[in-house]
Amino acid sequence: AFTIGLSPLAALASLLLLSSERGTRK
C-alpha cells in the first residue's frame, strides 16, 4: 500500500495541478 502511495509521478502531478489555475478542482 505504501509503495503505491509513494508514487513520485502521481504526487508530482498533484502538485503541478495545484499550482495551476483552479488547481484544487483539478
PDB file of all heavy atoms in Angstrom:
ATOM      1  N   ALA A   1       0.830  -1.209   0.000  1.00  0.00           N
ATOM      2  CA  ALA A   1       0.000   0.000   0.000  1.00  0.00           C
ATOM      3  C   ALA A   1       0.864   1.258   0.000  1.00  0.00           C
ATOM      4  O   ALA A   1       0.618   2.201  -0.765  1.00  0.00           O
ATOM      5  CB  ALA A   1      -0.939  -0.007   1.205  1.00  0.00           C
ATOM      6  N   PHE A   2       1.895   1.274   0.837  1.00  0.00           N
ATOM      7  CA  PHE A   2       2.769   2.444   0.899  1.00  0.00           C
ATOM      8  C   PHE A   2       3.600   2.592  -0.382  1.00  0.00           C
ATOM      9  O   PHE A   2       3.919   3.713  -0.784  1.00  0.00           O
ATOM     10  CB  PHE A   2       3.687   2.367   2.115  1.00  0.00           C
ATOM     11  CG  PHE A   2       3.090   2.956   3.357  1.00  0.00           C
ATOM     12  CD1 PHE A   2       2.683   2.143   4.398  1.00  0.00           C
ATOM     13  CD2 PHE A   2       2.916   4.328   3.483  1.00  0.00           C
ATOM     14  CE1 PHE A   2       2.116   2.681   5.545  1.00  0.00           C
ATOM     15  CE2 PHE A   2       2.355   4.884   4.627  1.00  0.00           C
ATOM     16  CZ  PHE A   2       1.959   4.053   5.657  1.00  0.00           C
ATOM     17  N   THR A   3       3.945   1.480  -1.007  1.00  0.00           N
ATOM     18  CA  THR A   3       4.677   1.558  -2.269  1.00  0.00           C
ATOM     19  C   THR A   3       3.845   2.272  -3.328  1.00  0.00           C
ATOM     20  O   THR A   3       4.352   3.121  -4.074  1.00  0.00           O
ATOM     21  CB  THR A   3       5.058   0.153  -2.766  1.00  0.00           C
ATOM     22  OG1 THR A   3       5.874  -0.492  -1.783  1.00  0.00           O
ATOM     23  CG2 THR A   3       5.836   0.230  -4.078  1.00  0.00           C
ATOM     24  N   ILE A   4       2.557   1.930  -3.396  1.00  0.00           N
ATOM     25  CA  ILE A   4       1.663   2.621  -4.336  1.00  0.00           C
ATOM     26  C   ILE A   4       1.482   4.082  -3.907  1.00  0.00           C
ATOM     27  O   ILE A   4       1.509   4.999  -4.726  1.00  0.00           O
ATOM     28  CB  ILE A   4       0.293   1.925  -4.396  1.00  0.00           C
ATOM     29  CG1 ILE A   4       0.440   0.476  -4.838  1.00  0.00           C
ATOM     30  CG2 ILE A   4      -0.645   2.660  -5.349  1.00  0.00           C
ATOM     31  CD1 ILE A   4      -0.846  -0.327  -4.765  1.00  0.00           C
ATOM     32  N   GLY A   5       1.308   4.294  -2.615  1.00  0.00           N
ATOM     33  CA  GLY A   5       1.035   5.624  -2.089  1.00  0.00           C
ATOM     34  C   GLY A   5       2.229   6.555  -2.059  1.00  0.00           C
ATOM     35  O   GLY A   5       2.098   7.721  -1.669  1.00  0.00           O
ATOM     36  N   LEU A   6       3.400   6.066  -2.448  1.00  0.00           N
ATOM     37  CA  LEU A   6       4.600   6.901  -2.510  1.00  0.00           C
ATOM     38  C   LEU A   6       5.040   7.145  -3.952  1.00  0.00           C
ATOM     39  O   LEU A   6       6.190   7.502  -4.203  1.00  0.00           O
ATOM     40  CB  LEU A   6       5.746   6.245  -1.726  1.00  0.00           C
ATOM     41  CG  LEU A   6       5.554   6.166  -0.210  1.00  0.00           C
ATOM     42  CD1 LEU A   6       6.696   5.391   0.436  1.00  0.00           C
ATOM     43  CD2 LEU A   6       5.453   7.567   0.405  1.00  0.00           C
ATOM     44  N   SER A   7       4.131   6.950  -4.889  1.00  0.00           N
ATOM     45  CA  SER A   7       4.463   7.149  -6.303  1.00  0.00           C
ATOM     46  C   SER A   7       4.896   8.599  -6.551  1.00  0.00           C
ATOM     47  O   SER A   7       4.098   9.529  -6.360  1.00  0.00           O
ATOM     48  CB  SER A   7       3.244   6.826  -7.176  1.00  0.00           C
ATOM     49  OG  SER A   7       3.468   7.238  -8.500  1.00  0.00           O
ATOM     50  N   PRO A   8       6.145   8.830  -6.974  1.00  0.00           N
ATOM     51  CA  PRO A   8       6.604  10.217  -7.162  1.00  0.00           C
ATOM     52  C   PRO A   8       5.907  10.929  -8.310  1.00  0.00           C
ATOM     53  O   PRO A   8       5.668  12.140  -8.235  1.00  0.00           O
ATOM     54  CB  PRO A   8       8.110  10.054  -7.426  1.00  0.00           C
ATOM     55  CG  PRO A   8       8.259   8.654  -7.959  1.00  0.00           C
ATOM     56  CD  PRO A   8       7.205   7.850  -7.268  1.00  0.00           C
ATOM     57  N   LEU A   9       5.561  10.199  -9.371  1.00  0.00           N
ATOM     58  CA  LEU A   9       4.908  10.838 -10.509  1.00  0.00           C
ATOM     59  C   LEU A   9       3.492  11.290 -10.171  1.00  0.00           C
ATOM     60  O   LEU A   9       3.051  12.367 -10.590  1.00  0.00           O
ATOM     61  CB  LEU A   9       4.887   9.893 -11.709  1.00  0.00           C
ATOM     62  CG  LEU A   9       6.230   9.676 -12.408  1.00  0.00           C
ATOM     63  CD1 LEU A   9       6.078   8.712 -13.575  1.00  0.00           C
ATOM     64  CD2 LEU A   9       6.806  11.001 -12.906  1.00  0.00           C
ATOM     65  N   ALA A  10       2.770  10.476  -9.402  1.00  0.00           N
ATOM     66  CA  ALA A  10       1.414  10.857  -9.006  1.00  0.00           C
ATOM     67  C   ALA A  10       1.444  12.079  -8.091  1.00  0.00           C
ATOM     68  O   ALA A  10       0.649  13.014  -8.243  1.00  0.00           O
ATOM     69  CB  ALA A  10       0.724   9.692  -8.317  1.00  0.00           C
ATOM     70  N   ALA A  11       2.368  12.077  -7.131  1.00  0.00           N
ATOM     71  CA  ALA A  11       2.489  13.224  -6.232  1.00  0.00           C
ATOM     72  C   ALA A  11       2.895  14.478  -7.005  1.00  0.00           C
ATOM     73  O   ALA A  11       2.369  15.570  -6.756  1.00  0.00           O
ATOM     74  CB  ALA A  11       3.516  12.922  -5.144  1.00  0.00           C
ATOM     75  N   LEU A  12       3.815  14.316  -7.951  1.00  0.00           N
ATOM     76  CA  LEU A  12       4.257  15.455  -8.759  1.00  0.00           C
ATOM     77  C   LEU A  12       3.111  15.992  -9.612  1.00  0.00           C
ATOM     78  O   LEU A  12       2.943  17.207  -9.755  1.00  0.00           O
ATOM     79  CB  LEU A  12       5.431  15.033  -9.634  1.00  0.00           C
ATOM     80  CG  LEU A  12       6.137  16.124 -10.437  1.00  0.00           C
ATOM     81  CD1 LEU A  12       6.591  17.254  -9.523  1.00  0.00           C
ATOM     82  CD2 LEU A  12       7.321  15.535 -11.194  1.00  0.00           C
ATOM     83  N   ALA A  13       2.320  15.087 -10.182  1.00  0.00           N
ATOM     84  CA  ALA A  13       1.167  15.512 -10.974  1.00  0.00           C
ATOM     85  C   ALA A  13       0.193  16.318 -10.111  1.00  0.00           C
ATOM     86  O   ALA A  13      -0.321  17.361 -10.533  1.00  0.00           O
ATOM     87  CB  ALA A  13       0.464  14.299 -11.572  1.00  0.00           C
ATOM     88  N   SER A  14      -0.060  15.855  -8.894  1.00  0.00           N
ATOM     89  CA  SER A  14      -0.959  16.562  -7.996  1.00  0.00           C
ATOM     90  C   SER A  14      -0.414  17.942  -7.652  1.00  0.00           C
ATOM     91  O   SER A  14      -1.152  18.943  -7.657  1.00  0.00           O
ATOM     92  CB  SER A  14      -1.162  15.739  -6.717  1.00  0.00           C
ATOM     93  OG  SER A  14      -2.039  16.395  -5.829  1.00  0.00           O
ATOM     94  N   LEU A  15       0.886  18.023  -7.387  1.00  0.00           N
ATOM     95  CA  LEU A  15       1.496  19.303  -7.028  1.00  0.00           C
ATOM     96  C   LEU A  15       1.458  20.288  -8.191  1.00  0.00           C
ATOM     97  O   LEU A  15       1.203  21.486  -8.003  1.00  0.00           O
ATOM     98  CB  LEU A  15       2.944  19.071  -6.581  1.00  0.00           C
ATOM     99  CG  LEU A  15       3.116  18.340  -5.247  1.00  0.00           C
ATOM    100  CD1 LEU A  15       4.565  17.916  -5.050  1.00  0.00           C
ATOM    101  CD2 LEU A  15       2.653  19.215  -4.089  1.00  0.00           C
ATOM    102  N   LEU A  16       1.702  19.804  -9.403  1.00  0.00           N
ATOM    103  CA  LEU A  16       1.668  20.680 -10.573  1.00  0.00           C
ATOM    104  C   LEU A  16       0.252  21.170 -10.863  1.00  0.00           C
ATOM    105  O   LEU A  16       0.050  22.323 -11.245  1.00  0.00           O
ATOM    106  CB  LEU A  16       2.237  19.944 -11.792  1.00  0.00           C
ATOM    107  CG  LEU A  16       3.742  19.661 -11.741  1.00  0.00           C
ATOM    108  CD1 LEU A  16       4.162  18.799 -12.929  1.00  0.00           C
ATOM    109  CD2 LEU A  16       4.541  20.963 -11.741  1.00  0.00           C
ATOM    110  N   LEU A  17      -0.720  20.293 -10.671  1.00  0.00           N
ATOM    111  CA  LEU A  17      -2.105  20.702 -10.869  1.00  0.00           C
ATOM    112  C   LEU A  17      -2.509  21.765  -9.847  1.00  0.00           C
ATOM    113  O   LEU A  17      -3.207  22.735 -10.167  1.00  0.00           O
ATOM    114  CB  LEU A  17      -3.041  19.500 -10.773  1.00  0.00           C
ATOM    115  CG  LEU A  17      -3.046  18.544 -11.960  1.00  0.00           C
ATOM    116  CD1 LEU A  17      -3.868  17.303 -11.640  1.00  0.00           C
ATOM    117  CD2 LEU A  17      -3.599  19.225 -13.207  1.00  0.00           C
ATOM    118  N   LEU A  18      -2.072  21.589  -8.610  1.00  0.00           N
ATOM    119  CA  LEU A  18      -2.425  22.537  -7.551  1.00  0.00           C
ATOM    120  C   LEU A  18      -1.836  23.919  -7.798  1.00  0.00           C
ATOM    121  O   LEU A  18      -2.379  24.923  -7.335  1.00  0.00           O
ATOM    122  CB  LEU A  18      -1.947  22.001  -6.191  1.00  0.00           C
ATOM    123  CG  LEU A  18      -2.760  20.850  -5.606  1.00  0.00           C
ATOM    124  CD1 LEU A  18      -2.034  20.224  -4.436  1.00  0.00           C
ATOM    125  CD2 LEU A  18      -4.141  21.334  -5.180  1.00  0.00           C
ATOM    126  N   SER A  19      -0.723  23.976  -8.530  1.00  0.00           N
ATOM    127  CA  SER A  19      -0.093  25.268  -8.807  1.00  0.00           C
ATOM    128  C   SER A  19      -0.691  25.954 -10.032  1.00  0.00           C
ATOM    129  O   SER A  19      -0.304  27.078 -10.364  1.00  0.00           O
ATOM    130  CB  SER A  19       1.410  25.086  -9.015  1.00  0.00           C
ATOM    131  OG  SER A  19       1.670  24.284 -10.150  1.00  0.00           O
ATOM    132  N   SER A  20      -1.625  25.288 -10.722  1.00  0.00           N
ATOM    133  CA  SER A  20      -2.249  25.870 -11.915  1.00  0.00           C
ATOM    134  C   SER A  20      -3.538  26.594 -11.543  1.00  0.00           C
ATOM    135  O   SER A  20      -3.988  26.560 -10.391  1.00  0.00           O
ATOM    136  CB  SER A  20      -2.547  24.774 -12.947  1.00  0.00           C
ATOM    137  OG  SER A  20      -3.523  23.871 -12.457  1.00  0.00           O
ATOM    138  N   GLU A  21      -4.146  27.265 -12.526  1.00  0.00           N
ATOM    139  CA  GLU A  21      -5.410  27.966 -12.292  1.00  0.00           C
ATOM    140  C   GLU A  21      -6.516  26.964 -11.962  1.00  0.00           C
ATOM    141  O   GLU A  21      -6.623  25.928 -12.595  1.00  0.00           O
ATOM    142  CB  GLU A  21      -5.783  28.762 -13.542  1.00  0.00           C
ATOM    143  CG  GLU A  21      -7.012  29.629 -13.369  1.00  0.00           C
ATOM    144  CD  GLU A  21      -7.342  30.425 -14.617  1.00  0.00           C
ATOM    145  OE1 GLU A  21      -6.573  30.335 -15.601  1.00  0.00           O
ATOM    146  OE2 GLU A  21      -8.365  31.124 -14.615  1.00  0.00           O
ATOM    147  N   ARG A  22      -7.309  27.259 -10.945  1.00  0.00           N
ATOM    148  CA  ARG A  22      -8.351  26.340 -10.437  1.00  0.00           C
ATOM    149  C   ARG A  22      -7.743  24.972 -10.093  1.00  0.00           C
ATOM    150  O   ARG A  22      -8.316  23.926 -10.339  1.00  0.00           O
ATOM    151  CB  ARG A  22      -9.476  26.180 -11.450  1.00  0.00           C
ATOM    152  CG  ARG A  22     -10.277  27.459 -11.689  1.00  0.00           C
ATOM    153  CD  ARG A  22     -11.463  27.219 -12.575  1.00  0.00           C
ATOM    154  NE  ARG A  22     -11.077  26.741 -13.903  1.00  0.00           N
ATOM    155  CZ  ARG A  22     -11.916  26.320 -14.824  1.00  0.00           C
ATOM    156  NH1 ARG A  22     -13.216  26.281 -14.567  1.00  0.00           N
ATOM    157  NH2 ARG A  22     -11.482  25.917 -16.005  1.00  0.00           N
ATOM    158  N   GLY A  23      -6.557  25.030  -9.520  1.00  0.00           N
ATOM    159  CA  GLY A  23      -5.788  23.817  -9.271  1.00  0.00           C
ATOM    160  C   GLY A  23      -6.417  22.850  -8.295  1.00  0.00           C
ATOM    161  O   GLY A  23      -6.261  21.640  -8.415  1.00  0.00           O
ATOM    162  N   THR A  24      -7.148  23.376  -7.307  1.00  0.00           N
ATOM    163  CA  THR A  24      -7.751  22.497  -6.306  1.00  0.00           C
ATOM    164  C   THR A  24      -8.762  21.552  -6.942  1.00  0.00           C
ATOM    165  O   THR A  24      -8.803  20.356  -6.636  1.00  0.00           O
ATOM    166  CB  THR A  24      -8.431  23.325  -5.202  1.00  0.00           C
ATOM    167  OG1 THR A  24      -7.471  24.208  -4.610  1.00  0.00           O
ATOM    168  CG2 THR A  24      -8.988  22.408  -4.125  1.00  0.00           C
ATOM    169  N   ARG A  25      -9.585  22.088  -7.851  1.00  0.00           N
ATOM    170  CA  ARG A  25     -10.574  21.246  -8.545  1.00  0.00           C
ATOM    171  C   ARG A  25      -9.883  20.183  -9.390  1.00  0.00           C
ATOM    172  O   ARG A  25     -10.311  19.023  -9.436  1.00  0.00           O
ATOM    173  CB  ARG A  25     -11.461  22.121  -9.424  1.00  0.00           C
ATOM    174  CG  ARG A  25     -12.421  23.017  -8.668  1.00  0.00           C
ATOM    175  CD  ARG A  25     -13.228  23.885  -9.610  1.00  0.00           C
ATOM    176  NE  ARG A  25     -13.992  23.074 -10.552  1.00  0.00           N
ATOM    177  CZ  ARG A  25     -14.644  23.565 -11.594  1.00  0.00           C
ATOM    178  NH1 ARG A  25     -14.618  24.878 -11.839  1.00  0.00           N
ATOM    179  NH2 ARG A  25     -15.329  22.768 -12.381  1.00  0.00           N
ATOM    180  N   LYS A  26      -8.814  20.562 -10.072  1.00  0.00           N
ATOM    181  CA  LYS A  26      -8.100  19.614 -10.933  1.00  0.00           C
ATOM    182  C   LYS A  26      -7.418  18.526 -10.102  1.00  0.00           C
ATOM    183  O   LYS A  26      -7.475  17.335 -10.453  1.00  0.00           O
ATOM    184  CB  LYS A  26      -7.067  20.352 -11.780  1.00  0.00           C
ATOM    185  CG  LYS A  26      -7.649  21.394 -12.711  1.00  0.00           C
ATOM    186  CD  LYS A  26      -6.545  22.168 -13.409  1.00  0.00           C
ATOM    187  CE  LYS A  26      -7.100  23.298 -14.252  1.00  0.00           C
ATOM    188  NZ  LYS A  26      -6.031  24.082 -14.905  1.00  0.00           N
TER     189      LYS A  26
END
